[in-house]
Amino acid sequence: MKKVFYNLSQIIELSDNDSEFIKLMVATFITEMSSDLDALTVAVLKEDRANVHGYAQKMKPSLELFGLKGHHMALKLESSGESQEKKDIQEDFMYLHQELEETLIQLKRDF
């Protein structure tokens, strides 16, 4: 059995277990995260600190809402994007990217 990366407990609680609301939140997450992950990837590749910071900051609340551990990696990327100090962000980015790719596949399959 494959590991499930996401956890919908916060959304279930927030929606009072409204299945239509949950489906809408999942659909929105899939659409937004796919787009944001692509943009973050470009920013990381171009070493564009401002956009790394901006996209990580934008993604962080949704990652947390869906119970993803990548939320912590987004927090690191966000602070690295603000810092003038040269840091290797590849490891944090790769963890976040892989977890998010797997999560998107799982959510598309499950919903």
PDB file of N, CA and C in Angstrom:
ATOM      1  N   MET A   1       0.841  -1.184   0.000  1.00  0.00           N
ATOM      2  CA  MET A   1       0.000   0.000   0.000  1.00  0.00           C
ATOM      3  C   MET A   1       0.885   1.245   0.000  1.00  0.00           C
ATOM      4  N   LYS A   2       0.539   2.196  -0.847  1.00  0.00           N
ATOM      5  CA  LYS A   2       1.308   3.432  -0.938  1.00  0.00           C
ATOM      6  C   LYS A   2       0.984   4.370   0.217  1.00  0.00           C
ATOM      7  N   LYS A   3       1.977   5.131   0.589  1.00  0.00           N
ATOM      8  CA  LYS A   3       1.804   6.120   1.643  1.00  0.00           C
ATOM      9  C   LYS A   3       0.905   7.251   1.148  1.00  0.00           C
ATOM     10  N   VAL A   4      -0.037   7.637   1.970  1.00  0.00           N
ATOM     11  CA  VAL A   4      -0.893   8.784   1.654  1.00  0.00           C
ATOM     12  C   VAL A   4      -0.224  10.009   2.249  1.00  0.00           C
ATOM     13  N   PHE A   5       0.000  11.008   1.407  1.00  0.00           N
ATOM     14  CA  PHE A   5       0.722  12.198   1.839  1.00  0.00           C
ATOM     15  C   PHE A   5      -0.195  13.239   2.466  1.00  0.00           C
ATOM     16  N   TYR A   6      -1.435  13.295   2.027  1.00  0.00           N
ATOM     17  CA  TYR A   6      -2.320  14.360   2.493  1.00  0.00           C
ATOM     18  C   TYR A   6      -3.188  13.902   3.659  1.00  0.00           C
ATOM     19  N   ASN A   7      -3.724  14.881   4.378  1.00  0.00           N
ATOM     20  CA  ASN A   7      -4.622  14.627   5.495  1.00  0.00           C
ATOM     21  C   ASN A   7      -5.711  15.690   5.424  1.00  0.00           C
ATOM     22  N   LEU A   8      -6.938  15.250   5.240  1.00  0.00           N
ATOM     23  CA  LEU A   8      -8.062  16.180   5.063  1.00  0.00           C
ATOM     24  C   LEU A   8      -8.783  16.533   6.362  1.00  0.00           C
ATOM     25  N   SER A   9      -8.241  16.137   7.504  1.00  0.00           N
ATOM     26  CA  SER A   9      -8.968  16.340   8.764  1.00  0.00           C
ATOM     27  C   SER A   9      -9.308  17.806   9.026  1.00  0.00           C
ATOM     28  N   GLN A  10      -8.398  18.725   8.712  1.00  0.00           N
ATOM     29  CA  GLN A  10      -8.698  20.147   8.934  1.00  0.00           C
ATOM     30  C   GLN A  10      -9.820  20.629   8.014  1.00  0.00           C
ATOM     31  N   ILE A  11      -9.810  20.159   6.792  1.00  0.00           N
ATOM     32  CA  ILE A  11     -10.850  20.561   5.834  1.00  0.00           C
ATOM     33  C   ILE A  11     -12.194  19.955   6.226  1.00  0.00           C
ATOM     34  N   ILE A  12     -12.178  18.715   6.676  1.00  0.00           N
ATOM     35  CA  ILE A  12     -13.417  18.062   7.120  1.00  0.00           C
ATOM     36  C   ILE A  12     -13.998  18.823   8.302  1.00  0.00           C
ATOM     37  N   GLU A  13     -13.135  19.194   9.237  1.00  0.00           N
ATOM     38  CA  GLU A  13     -13.596  19.951  10.401  1.00  0.00           C
ATOM     39  C   GLU A  13     -14.107  21.332   9.987  1.00  0.00           C
ATOM     40  N   LEU A  14     -13.358  22.000   9.149  1.00  0.00           N
ATOM     41  CA  LEU A  14     -13.726  23.331   8.675  1.00  0.00           C
ATOM     42  C   LEU A  14     -15.079  23.326   7.956  1.00  0.00           C
ATOM     43  N   SER A  15     -15.326  22.269   7.190  1.00  0.00           N
ATOM     44  CA  SER A  15     -16.540  22.194   6.370  1.00  0.00           C
ATOM     45  C   SER A  15     -17.695  21.493   7.063  1.00  0.00           C
ATOM     46  N   ASP A  16     -17.477  21.035   8.284  1.00  0.00           N
ATOM     47  CA  ASP A  16     -18.471  20.235   8.992  1.00  0.00           C
ATOM     48  C   ASP A  16     -18.838  19.002   8.162  1.00  0.00           C
ATOM     49  N   ASN A  17     -17.809  18.424   7.543  1.00  0.00           N
ATOM     50  CA  ASN A  17     -17.890  17.208   6.729  1.00  0.00           C
ATOM     51  C   ASN A  17     -18.820  17.359   5.520  1.00  0.00           C
ATOM     52  N   ASP A  18     -18.853  18.544   4.944  1.00  0.00           N
ATOM     53  CA  ASP A  18     -19.644  18.805   3.730  1.00  0.00           C
ATOM     54  C   ASP A  18     -18.866  18.286   2.517  1.00  0.00           C
ATOM     55  N   SER A  19     -19.337  17.190   1.929  1.00  0.00           N
ATOM     56  CA  SER A  19     -18.592  16.524   0.858  1.00  0.00           C
ATOM     57  C   SER A  19     -18.415  17.414  -0.374  1.00  0.00           C
ATOM     58  N   GLU A  20     -19.377  18.238  -0.675  1.00  0.00           N
ATOM     59  CA  GLU A  20     -19.253  19.140  -1.833  1.00  0.00           C
ATOM     60  C   GLU A  20     -18.170  20.192  -1.594  1.00  0.00           C
ATOM     61  N   PHE A  21     -18.123  20.723  -0.391  1.00  0.00           N
ATOM     62  CA  PHE A  21     -17.093  21.696  -0.038  1.00  0.00           C
ATOM     63  C   PHE A  21     -15.711  21.048  -0.087  1.00  0.00           C
ATOM     64  N   ILE A  22     -15.611  19.830   0.426  1.00  0.00           N
ATOM     65  CA  ILE A  22     -14.339  19.113   0.424  1.00  0.00           C
ATOM     66  C   ILE A  22     -13.874  18.889  -1.016  1.00  0.00           C
ATOM     67  N   LYS A  23     -14.766  18.474  -1.890  1.00  0.00           N
ATOM     68  CA  LYS A  23     -14.420  18.266  -3.303  1.00  0.00           C
ATOM     69  C   LYS A  23     -13.966  19.571  -3.953  1.00  0.00           C
ATOM     70  N   LEU A  24     -14.632  20.666  -3.631  1.00  0.00           N
ATOM     71  CA  LEU A  24     -14.255  21.975  -4.164  1.00  0.00           C
ATOM     72  C   LEU A  24     -12.862  22.383  -3.672  1.00  0.00           C
ATOM     73  N   MET A  25     -12.592  22.161  -2.400  1.00  0.00           N
ATOM     74  CA  MET A  25     -11.276  22.492  -1.845  1.00  0.00           C
ATOM     75  C   MET A  25     -10.183  21.652  -2.508  1.00  0.00           C
ATOM     76  N   VAL A  26     -10.458  20.378  -2.717  1.00  0.00           N
ATOM     77  CA  VAL A  26      -9.480  19.497  -3.354  1.00  0.00           C
ATOM     78  C   VAL A  26      -9.234  19.943  -4.794  1.00  0.00           C
ATOM     79  N   ALA A  27     -10.298  20.239  -5.525  1.00  0.00           N
ATOM     80  CA  ALA A  27     -10.160  20.681  -6.919  1.00  0.00           C
ATOM     81  C   ALA A  27      -9.362  21.979  -6.999  1.00  0.00           C
ATOM     82  N   THR A  28      -9.636  22.904  -6.100  1.00  0.00           N
ATOM     83  CA  THR A  28      -8.909  24.173  -6.064  1.00  0.00           C
ATOM     84  C   THR A  28      -7.443  23.941  -5.724  1.00  0.00           C
ATOM     85  N   PHE A  29      -7.187  23.068  -4.767  1.00  0.00           N
ATOM     86  CA  PHE A  29      -5.813  22.745  -4.378  1.00  0.00           C
ATOM     87  C   PHE A  29      -5.047  22.169  -5.567  1.00  0.00           C
ATOM     88  N   ILE A  30      -5.658  21.241  -6.280  1.00  0.00           N
ATOM     89  CA  ILE A  30      -4.996  20.612  -7.426  1.00  0.00           C
ATOM     90  C   ILE A  30      -4.640  21.663  -8.474  1.00  0.00           C
ATOM     91  N   THR A  31      -5.578  22.516  -8.797  1.00  0.00           N
ATOM     92  CA  THR A  31      -5.355  23.537  -9.817  1.00  0.00           C
ATOM     93  C   THR A  31      -4.283  24.535  -9.386  1.00  0.00           C
ATOM     94  N   GLU A  32      -4.451  25.086  -8.199  1.00  0.00           N
ATOM     95  CA  GLU A  32      -3.523  26.115  -7.710  1.00  0.00           C
ATOM     96  C   GLU A  32      -2.126  25.568  -7.463  1.00  0.00           C
ATOM     97  N   MET A  33      -2.033  24.414  -6.824  1.00  0.00           N
ATOM     98  CA  MET A  33      -0.724  23.861  -6.498  1.00  0.00           C
ATOM     99  C   MET A  33       0.039  23.436  -7.745  1.00  0.00           C
ATOM    100  N   SER A  34      -0.655  22.932  -8.742  1.00  0.00           N
ATOM    101  CA  SER A  34       0.017  22.559  -9.991  1.00  0.00           C
ATOM    102  C   SER A  34       0.673  23.785 -10.608  1.00  0.00           C
ATOM    103  N   SER A  35      -0.068  24.864 -10.673  1.00  0.00           N
ATOM    104  CA  SER A  35       0.429  26.104 -11.249  1.00  0.00           C
ATOM    105  C   SER A  35       1.552  26.708 -10.400  1.00  0.00           C
ATOM    106  N   ASP A  36       1.340  26.754  -9.091  1.00  0.00           N
ATOM    107  CA  ASP A  36       2.339  27.340  -8.196  1.00  0.00           C
ATOM    108  C   ASP A  36       3.625  26.511  -8.163  1.00  0.00           C
ATOM    109  N   LEU A  37       3.495  25.202  -8.234  1.00  0.00           N
ATOM    110  CA  LEU A  37       4.683  24.353  -8.234  1.00  0.00           C
ATOM    111  C   LEU A  37       5.510  24.584  -9.496  1.00  0.00           C
ATOM    112  N   ASP A  38       4.832  24.734 -10.631  1.00  0.00           N
ATOM    113  CA  ASP A  38       5.551  25.039 -11.875  1.00  0.00           C
ATOM    114  C   ASP A  38       6.300  26.363 -11.751  1.00  0.00           C
ATOM    115  N   ALA A  39       5.629  27.380 -11.219  1.00  0.00           N
ATOM    116  CA  ALA A  39       6.252  28.698 -11.070  1.00  0.00           C
ATOM    117  C   ALA A  39       7.405  28.656 -10.066  1.00  0.00           C
ATOM    118  N   LEU A  40       7.234  27.921  -8.980  1.00  0.00           N
ATOM    119  CA  LEU A  40       8.304  27.790  -7.988  1.00  0.00           C
ATOM    120  C   LEU A  40       9.507  27.072  -8.602  1.00  0.00           C
ATOM    121  N   THR A  41       9.248  26.068  -9.407  1.00  0.00           N
ATOM    122  CA  THR A  41      10.327  25.332 -10.069  1.00  0.00           C
ATOM    123  C   THR A  41      11.153  26.276 -10.946  1.00  0.00           C
ATOM    124  N   VAL A  42      10.489  27.091 -11.716  1.00  0.00           N
ATOM    125  CA  VAL A  42      11.186  28.062 -12.575  1.00  0.00           C
ATOM    126  C   VAL A  42      12.003  29.028 -11.717  1.00  0.00           C
ATOM    127  N   ALA A  43      11.410  29.513 -10.641  1.00  0.00           N
ATOM    128  CA  ALA A  43      12.117  30.454  -9.760  1.00  0.00           C
ATOM    129  C   ALA A  43      13.361  29.816  -9.145  1.00  0.00           C
ATOM    130  N   VAL A  44      13.243  28.570  -8.723  1.00  0.00           N
ATOM    131  CA  VAL A  44      14.400  27.874  -8.137  1.00  0.00           C
ATOM    132  C   VAL A  44      15.489  27.691  -9.192  1.00  0.00           C
ATOM    133  N   LEU A  45      15.102  27.264 -10.384  1.00  0.00           N
ATOM    134  CA  LEU A  45      16.076  27.041 -11.456  1.00  0.00           C
ATOM    135  C   LEU A  45      16.792  28.329 -11.857  1.00  0.00           C
ATOM    136  N   LYS A  46      16.066  29.437 -11.844  1.00  0.00           N
ATOM    137  CA  LYS A  46      16.654  30.728 -12.218  1.00  0.00           C
ATOM    138  C   LYS A  46      17.323  31.426 -11.033  1.00  0.00           C
ATOM    139  N   GLU A  47      17.248  30.796  -9.861  1.00  0.00           N
ATOM    140  CA  GLU A  47      17.768  31.392  -8.634  1.00  0.00           C
ATOM    141  C   GLU A  47      17.179  32.783  -8.391  1.00  0.00           C
ATOM    142  N   ASP A  48      15.886  32.882  -8.657  1.00  0.00           N
ATOM    143  CA  ASP A  48      15.119  34.115  -8.487  1.00  0.00           C
ATOM    144  C   ASP A  48      14.568  34.145  -7.060  1.00  0.00           C
ATOM    145  N   ARG A  49      15.356  34.718  -6.149  1.00  0.00           N
ATOM    146  CA  ARG A  49      15.014  34.706  -4.725  1.00  0.00           C
ATOM    147  C   ARG A  49      13.648  35.322  -4.414  1.00  0.00           C
ATOM    148  N   ALA A  50      13.330  36.412  -5.071  1.00  0.00           N
ATOM    149  CA  ALA A  50      12.055  37.087  -4.789  1.00  0.00           C
ATOM    150  C   ALA A  50      10.875  36.175  -5.111  1.00  0.00           C
ATOM    151  N   ASN A  51      10.933  35.489  -6.234  1.00  0.00           N
ATOM    152  CA  ASN A  51       9.829  34.604  -6.597  1.00  0.00           C
ATOM    153  C   ASN A  51       9.841  33.296  -5.806  1.00  0.00           C
ATOM    154  N   VAL A  52      11.016  32.818  -5.427  1.00  0.00           N
ATOM    155  CA  VAL A  52      11.067  31.651  -4.534  1.00  0.00           C
ATOM    156  C   VAL A  52      10.343  32.008  -3.246  1.00  0.00           C
ATOM    157  N   HIS A  53      10.685  33.162  -2.696  1.00  0.00           N
ATOM    158  CA  HIS A  53      10.036  33.636  -1.467  1.00  0.00           C
ATOM    159  C   HIS A  53       8.530  33.767  -1.663  1.00  0.00           C
ATOM    160  N   GLY A  54       8.126  34.433  -2.738  1.00  0.00           N
ATOM    161  CA  GLY A  54       6.712  34.705  -2.972  1.00  0.00           C
ATOM    162  C   GLY A  54       5.874  33.452  -3.170  1.00  0.00           C
ATOM    163  N   TYR A  55       6.353  32.537  -3.992  1.00  0.00           N
ATOM    164  CA  TYR A  55       5.577  31.319  -4.231  1.00  0.00           C
ATOM    165  C   TYR A  55       5.568  30.401  -3.022  1.00  0.00           C
ATOM    166  N   ALA A  56       6.674  30.303  -2.317  1.00  0.00           N
ATOM    167  CA  ALA A  56       6.702  29.482  -1.101  1.00  0.00           C
ATOM    168  C   ALA A  56       5.731  30.045  -0.067  1.00  0.00           C
ATOM    169  N   GLN A  57       5.717  31.368   0.051  1.00  0.00           N
ATOM    170  CA  GLN A  57       4.810  32.020   0.998  1.00  0.00           C
ATOM    171  C   GLN A  57       3.348  31.778   0.600  1.00  0.00           C
ATOM    172  N   LYS A  58       3.065  31.839  -0.680  1.00  0.00           N
ATOM    173  CA  LYS A  58       1.701  31.621  -1.166  1.00  0.00           C
ATOM    174  C   LYS A  58       1.244  30.172  -0.951  1.00  0.00           C
ATOM    175  N   MET A  59       2.142  29.231  -1.145  1.00  0.00           N
ATOM    176  CA  MET A  59       1.802  27.813  -1.061  1.00  0.00           C
ATOM    177  C   MET A  59       1.677  27.305   0.378  1.00  0.00           C
ATOM    178  N   LYS A  60       2.399  27.905   1.280  1.00  0.00           N
ATOM    179  CA  LYS A  60       2.516  27.427   2.661  1.00  0.00           C
ATOM    180  C   LYS A  60       1.174  27.171   3.361  1.00  0.00           C
ATOM    181  N   PRO A  61       0.204  28.086   3.335  1.00  0.00           N
ATOM    182  CA  PRO A  61      -1.052  27.821   4.056  1.00  0.00           C
ATOM    183  C   PRO A  61      -1.824  26.620   3.496  1.00  0.00           C
ATOM    184  N   SER A  62      -1.814  26.460   2.192  1.00  0.00           N
ATOM    185  CA  SER A  62      -2.527  25.326   1.596  1.00  0.00           C
ATOM    186  C   SER A  62      -1.845  24.007   1.924  1.00  0.00           C
ATOM    187  N   LEU A  63      -0.526  24.014   1.920  1.00  0.00           N
ATOM    188  CA  LEU A  63       0.222  22.807   2.280  1.00  0.00           C
ATOM    189  C   LEU A  63      -0.109  22.396   3.712  1.00  0.00           C
ATOM    190  N   GLU A  64      -0.167  23.379   4.580  1.00  0.00           N
ATOM    191  CA  GLU A  64      -0.491  23.104   5.981  1.00  0.00           C
ATOM    192  C   GLU A  64      -1.932  22.618   6.120  1.00  0.00           C
ATOM    193  N   LEU A  65      -2.854  23.252   5.405  1.00  0.00           N
ATOM    194  CA  LEU A  65      -4.261  22.869   5.466  1.00  0.00           C
ATOM    195  C   LEU A  65      -4.470  21.423   5.037  1.00  0.00           C
ATOM    196  N   PHE A  66      -3.683  20.972   4.059  1.00  0.00           N
ATOM    197  CA  PHE A  66      -3.801  19.604   3.565  1.00  0.00           C
ATOM    198  C   PHE A  66      -2.877  18.632   4.314  1.00  0.00           C
ATOM    199  N   GLY A  67      -2.269  19.101   5.385  1.00  0.00           N
ATOM    200  CA  GLY A  67      -1.481  18.246   6.252  1.00  0.00           C
ATOM    201  C   GLY A  67      -0.185  17.743   5.655  1.00  0.00           C
ATOM    202  N   LEU A  68       0.395  18.501   4.753  1.00  0.00           N
ATOM    203  CA  LEU A  68       1.625  18.061   4.089  1.00  0.00           C
ATOM    204  C   LEU A  68       2.865  18.477   4.877  1.00  0.00           C
ATOM    205  N   LYS A  69       3.803  17.569   4.985  1.00  0.00           N
ATOM    206  CA  LYS A  69       5.057  17.864   5.673  1.00  0.00           C
ATOM    207  C   LYS A  69       5.872  18.892   4.900  1.00  0.00           C
ATOM    208  N   GLY A  70       5.624  18.991   3.607  1.00  0.00           N
ATOM    209  CA  GLY A  70       6.309  19.968   2.771  1.00  0.00           C
ATOM    210  C   GLY A  70       6.075  21.403   3.213  1.00  0.00           C
ATOM    211  N   HIS A  71       5.100  21.597   4.077  1.00  0.00           N
ATOM    212  CA  HIS A  71       4.843  22.921   4.646  1.00  0.00           C
ATOM    213  C   HIS A  71       6.120  23.464   5.292  1.00  0.00           C
ATOM    214  N   HIS A  72       6.865  22.599   5.962  1.00  0.00           N
ATOM    215  CA  HIS A  72       8.110  23.018   6.620  1.00  0.00           C
ATOM    216  C   HIS A  72       9.179  23.380   5.581  1.00  0.00           C
ATOM    217  N   MET A  73       9.182  22.654   4.468  1.00  0.00           N
ATOM    218  CA  MET A  73      10.140  22.961   3.403  1.00  0.00           C
ATOM    219  C   MET A  73       9.787  24.297   2.745  1.00  0.00           C
ATOM    220  N   ALA A  74       8.498  24.560   2.584  1.00  0.00           N
ATOM    221  CA  ALA A  74       8.062  25.844   2.024  1.00  0.00           C
ATOM    222  C   ALA A  74       8.480  26.983   2.944  1.00  0.00           C
ATOM    223  N   LEU A  75       8.396  26.760   4.237  1.00  0.00           N
ATOM    224  CA  LEU A  75       8.826  27.769   5.208  1.00  0.00           C
ATOM    225  C   LEU A  75      10.326  28.053   5.057  1.00  0.00           C
ATOM    226  N   LYS A  76      11.124  26.996   4.877  1.00  0.00           N
ATOM    227  CA  LYS A  76      12.564  27.171   4.672  1.00  0.00           C
ATOM    228  C   LYS A  76      12.838  27.907   3.359  1.00  0.00           C
ATOM    229  N   LEU A  77      12.112  27.529   2.307  1.00  0.00           N
ATOM    230  CA  LEU A  77      12.301  28.192   1.013  1.00  0.00           C
ATOM    231  C   LEU A  77      11.919  29.658   1.099  1.00  0.00           C
ATOM    232  N   GLU A  78      10.837  29.923   1.818  1.00  0.00           N
ATOM    233  CA  GLU A  78      10.387  31.313   1.993  1.00  0.00           C
ATOM    234  C   GLU A  78      11.480  32.140   2.672  1.00  0.00           C
ATOM    235  N   SER A  79      12.049  31.629   3.748  1.00  0.00           N
ATOM    236  CA  SER A  79      13.078  32.400   4.448  1.00  0.00           C
ATOM    237  C   SER A  79      14.369  32.474   3.637  1.00  0.00           C
ATOM    238  N   SER A  80      14.685  31.433   2.880  1.00  0.00           N
ATOM    239  CA  SER A  80      15.876  31.469   2.022  1.00  0.00           C
ATOM    240  C   SER A  80      15.722  32.518   0.932  1.00  0.00           C
ATOM    241  N   GLY A  81      14.506  32.677   0.444  1.00  0.00           N
ATOM    242  CA  GLY A  81      14.244  33.670  -0.586  1.00  0.00           C
ATOM    243  C   GLY A  81      14.421  35.094  -0.093  1.00  0.00           C
ATOM    244  N   GLU A  82      14.235  35.300   1.198  1.00  0.00           N
ATOM    245  CA  GLU A  82      14.405  36.631   1.799  1.00  0.00           C
ATOM    246  C   GLU A  82      15.852  36.928   2.152  1.00  0.00           C
ATOM    247  N   SER A  83      16.613  35.900   2.411  1.00  0.00           N
ATOM    248  CA  SER A  83      17.971  36.049   2.915  1.00  0.00           C
ATOM    249  C   SER A  83      18.946  36.467   1.815  1.00  0.00           C
ATOM    250  N   GLN A  84      19.926  37.240   2.195  1.00  0.00           N
ATOM    251  CA  GLN A  84      20.997  37.591   1.271  1.00  0.00           C
ATOM    252  C   GLN A  84      22.088  36.524   1.280  1.00  0.00           C
ATOM    253  N   GLU A  85      22.011  35.661   2.268  1.00  0.00           N
ATOM    254  CA  GLU A  85      22.994  34.590   2.417  1.00  0.00           C
ATOM    255  C   GLU A  85      22.739  33.514   1.361  1.00  0.00           C
ATOM    256  N   LYS A  86      23.775  33.088   0.693  1.00  0.00           N
ATOM    257  CA  LYS A  86      23.648  32.029  -0.306  1.00  0.00           C
ATOM    258  C   LYS A  86      23.423  30.706   0.408  1.00  0.00           C
ATOM    259  N   LYS A  87      22.302  30.078   0.141  1.00  0.00           N
ATOM    260  CA  LYS A  87      21.993  28.778   0.733  1.00  0.00           C
ATOM    261  C   LYS A  87      21.625  27.832  -0.391  1.00  0.00           C
ATOM    262  N   ASP A  88      21.953  26.575  -0.209  1.00  0.00           N
ATOM    263  CA  ASP A  88      21.541  25.572  -1.168  1.00  0.00           C
ATOM    264  C   ASP A  88      20.118  25.147  -0.806  1.00  0.00           C
ATOM    265  N   ILE A  89      19.183  25.478  -1.650  1.00  0.00           N
ATOM    266  CA  ILE A  89      17.781  25.178  -1.379  1.00  0.00           C
ATOM    267  C   ILE A  89      17.295  23.962  -2.159  1.00  0.00           C
ATOM    268  N   GLN A  90      18.194  23.340  -2.897  1.00  0.00           N
ATOM    269  CA  GLN A  90      17.798  22.226  -3.754  1.00  0.00           C
ATOM    270  C   GLN A  90      17.162  21.076  -2.977  1.00  0.00           C
ATOM    271  N   GLU A  91      17.742  20.710  -1.847  1.00  0.00           N
ATOM    272  CA  GLU A  91      17.221  19.576  -1.074  1.00  0.00           C
ATOM    273  C   GLU A  91      15.806  19.869  -0.565  1.00  0.00           C
ATOM    274  N   ASP A  92      15.599  21.060  -0.017  1.00  0.00           N
ATOM    275  CA  ASP A  92      14.265  21.436   0.473  1.00  0.00           C
ATOM    276  C   ASP A  92      13.272  21.474  -0.687  1.00  0.00           C
ATOM    277  N   PHE A  93      13.702  22.052  -1.798  1.00  0.00           N
ATOM    278  CA  PHE A  93      12.826  22.134  -2.960  1.00  0.00           C
ATOM    279  C   PHE A  93      12.479  20.743  -3.486  1.00  0.00           C
ATOM    280  N   MET A  94      13.463  19.867  -3.580  1.00  0.00           N
ATOM    281  CA  MET A  94      13.210  18.524  -4.117  1.00  0.00           C
ATOM    282  C   MET A  94      12.250  17.746  -3.228  1.00  0.00           C
ATOM    283  N   TYR A  95      12.376  17.885  -1.911  1.00  0.00           N
ATOM    284  CA  TYR A  95      11.443  17.218  -0.997  1.00  0.00           C
ATOM    285  C   TYR A  95      10.027  17.734  -1.238  1.00  0.00           C
ATOM    286  N   LEU A  96       9.891  19.049  -1.262  1.00  0.00           N
ATOM    287  CA  LEU A  96       8.578  19.656  -1.477  1.00  0.00           C
ATOM    288  C   LEU A  96       8.011  19.248  -2.831  1.00  0.00           C
ATOM    289  N   HIS A  97       8.825  19.296  -3.860  1.00  0.00           N
ATOM    290  CA  HIS A  97       8.381  18.958  -5.213  1.00  0.00           C
ATOM    291  C   HIS A  97       7.887  17.514  -5.278  1.00  0.00           C
ATOM    292  N   GLN A  98       8.665  16.595  -4.735  1.00  0.00           N
ATOM    293  CA  GLN A  98       8.292  15.184  -4.791  1.00  0.00           C
ATOM    294  C   GLN A  98       7.016  14.920  -3.995  1.00  0.00           C
ATOM    295  N   GLU A  99       6.933  15.464  -2.795  1.00  0.00           N
ATOM    296  CA  GLU A  99       5.738  15.253  -1.978  1.00  0.00           C
ATOM    297  C   GLU A  99       4.506  15.831  -2.664  1.00  0.00           C
ATOM    298  N   LEU A 100       4.647  17.000  -3.225  1.00  0.00           N
ATOM    299  CA  LEU A 100       3.509  17.648  -3.870  1.00  0.00           C
ATOM    300  C   LEU A 100       3.092  16.909  -5.137  1.00  0.00           C
ATOM    301  N   GLU A 101       4.045  16.443  -5.922  1.00  0.00           N
ATOM    302  CA  GLU A 101       3.715  15.653  -7.120  1.00  0.00           C
ATOM    303  C   GLU A 101       2.937  14.399  -6.733  1.00  0.00           C
ATOM    304  N   GLU A 102       3.407  13.683  -5.720  1.00  0.00           N
ATOM    305  CA  GLU A 102       2.724  12.471  -5.256  1.00  0.00           C
ATOM    306  C   GLU A 102       1.327  12.798  -4.721  1.00  0.00           C
ATOM    307  N   THR A 103       1.234  13.886  -3.974  1.00  0.00           N
ATOM    308  CA  THR A 103      -0.051  14.296  -3.404  1.00  0.00           C
ATOM    309  C   THR A 103      -1.049  14.632  -4.510  1.00  0.00           C
ATOM    310  N   LEU A 104      -0.607  15.366  -5.520  1.00  0.00           N
ATOM    311  CA  LEU A 104      -1.502  15.725  -6.623  1.00  0.00           C
ATOM    312  C   LEU A 104      -1.995  14.472  -7.348  1.00  0.00           C
ATOM    313  N   ILE A 105      -1.117  13.519  -7.562  1.00  0.00           N
ATOM    314  CA  ILE A 105      -1.521  12.253  -8.199  1.00  0.00           C
ATOM    315  C   ILE A 105      -2.551  11.541  -7.328  1.00  0.00           C
ATOM    316  N   GLN A 106      -2.289  11.468  -6.035  1.00  0.00           N
ATOM    317  CA  GLN A 106      -3.215  10.789  -5.123  1.00  0.00           C
ATOM    318  C   GLN A 106      -4.572  11.489  -5.072  1.00  0.00           C
ATOM    319  N   LEU A 107      -4.566  12.810  -4.987  1.00  0.00           N
ATOM    320  CA  LEU A 107      -5.833  13.543  -4.921  1.00  0.00           C
ATOM    321  C   LEU A 107      -6.633  13.376  -6.207  1.00  0.00           C
ATOM    322  N   LYS A 108      -5.963  13.420  -7.348  1.00  0.00           N
ATOM    323  CA  LYS A 108      -6.667  13.214  -8.627  1.00  0.00           C
ATOM    324  C   LYS A 108      -7.268  11.818  -8.673  1.00  0.00           C
ATOM    325  N   ARG A 109      -6.541  10.848  -8.167  1.00  0.00           N
ATOM    326  CA  ARG A 109      -7.035   9.473  -8.141  1.00  0.00           C
ATOM    327  C   ARG A 109      -8.215   9.321  -7.164  1.00  0.00           C
ATOM    328  N   ASP A 110      -8.097   9.938  -5.996  1.00  0.00           N
ATOM    329  CA  ASP A 110      -9.094   9.760  -4.948  1.00  0.00           C
ATOM    330  C   ASP A 110     -10.342  10.609  -5.136  1.00  0.00           C
ATOM    331  N   PHE A 111     -10.225  11.689  -5.894  1.00  0.00           N
ATOM    332  CA  PHE A 111     -11.374  12.561  -6.092  1.00  0.00           C
ATOM    333  C   PHE A 111     -11.646  12.716  -7.556  1.00  0.00           C
TER     334      PHE A 111
END
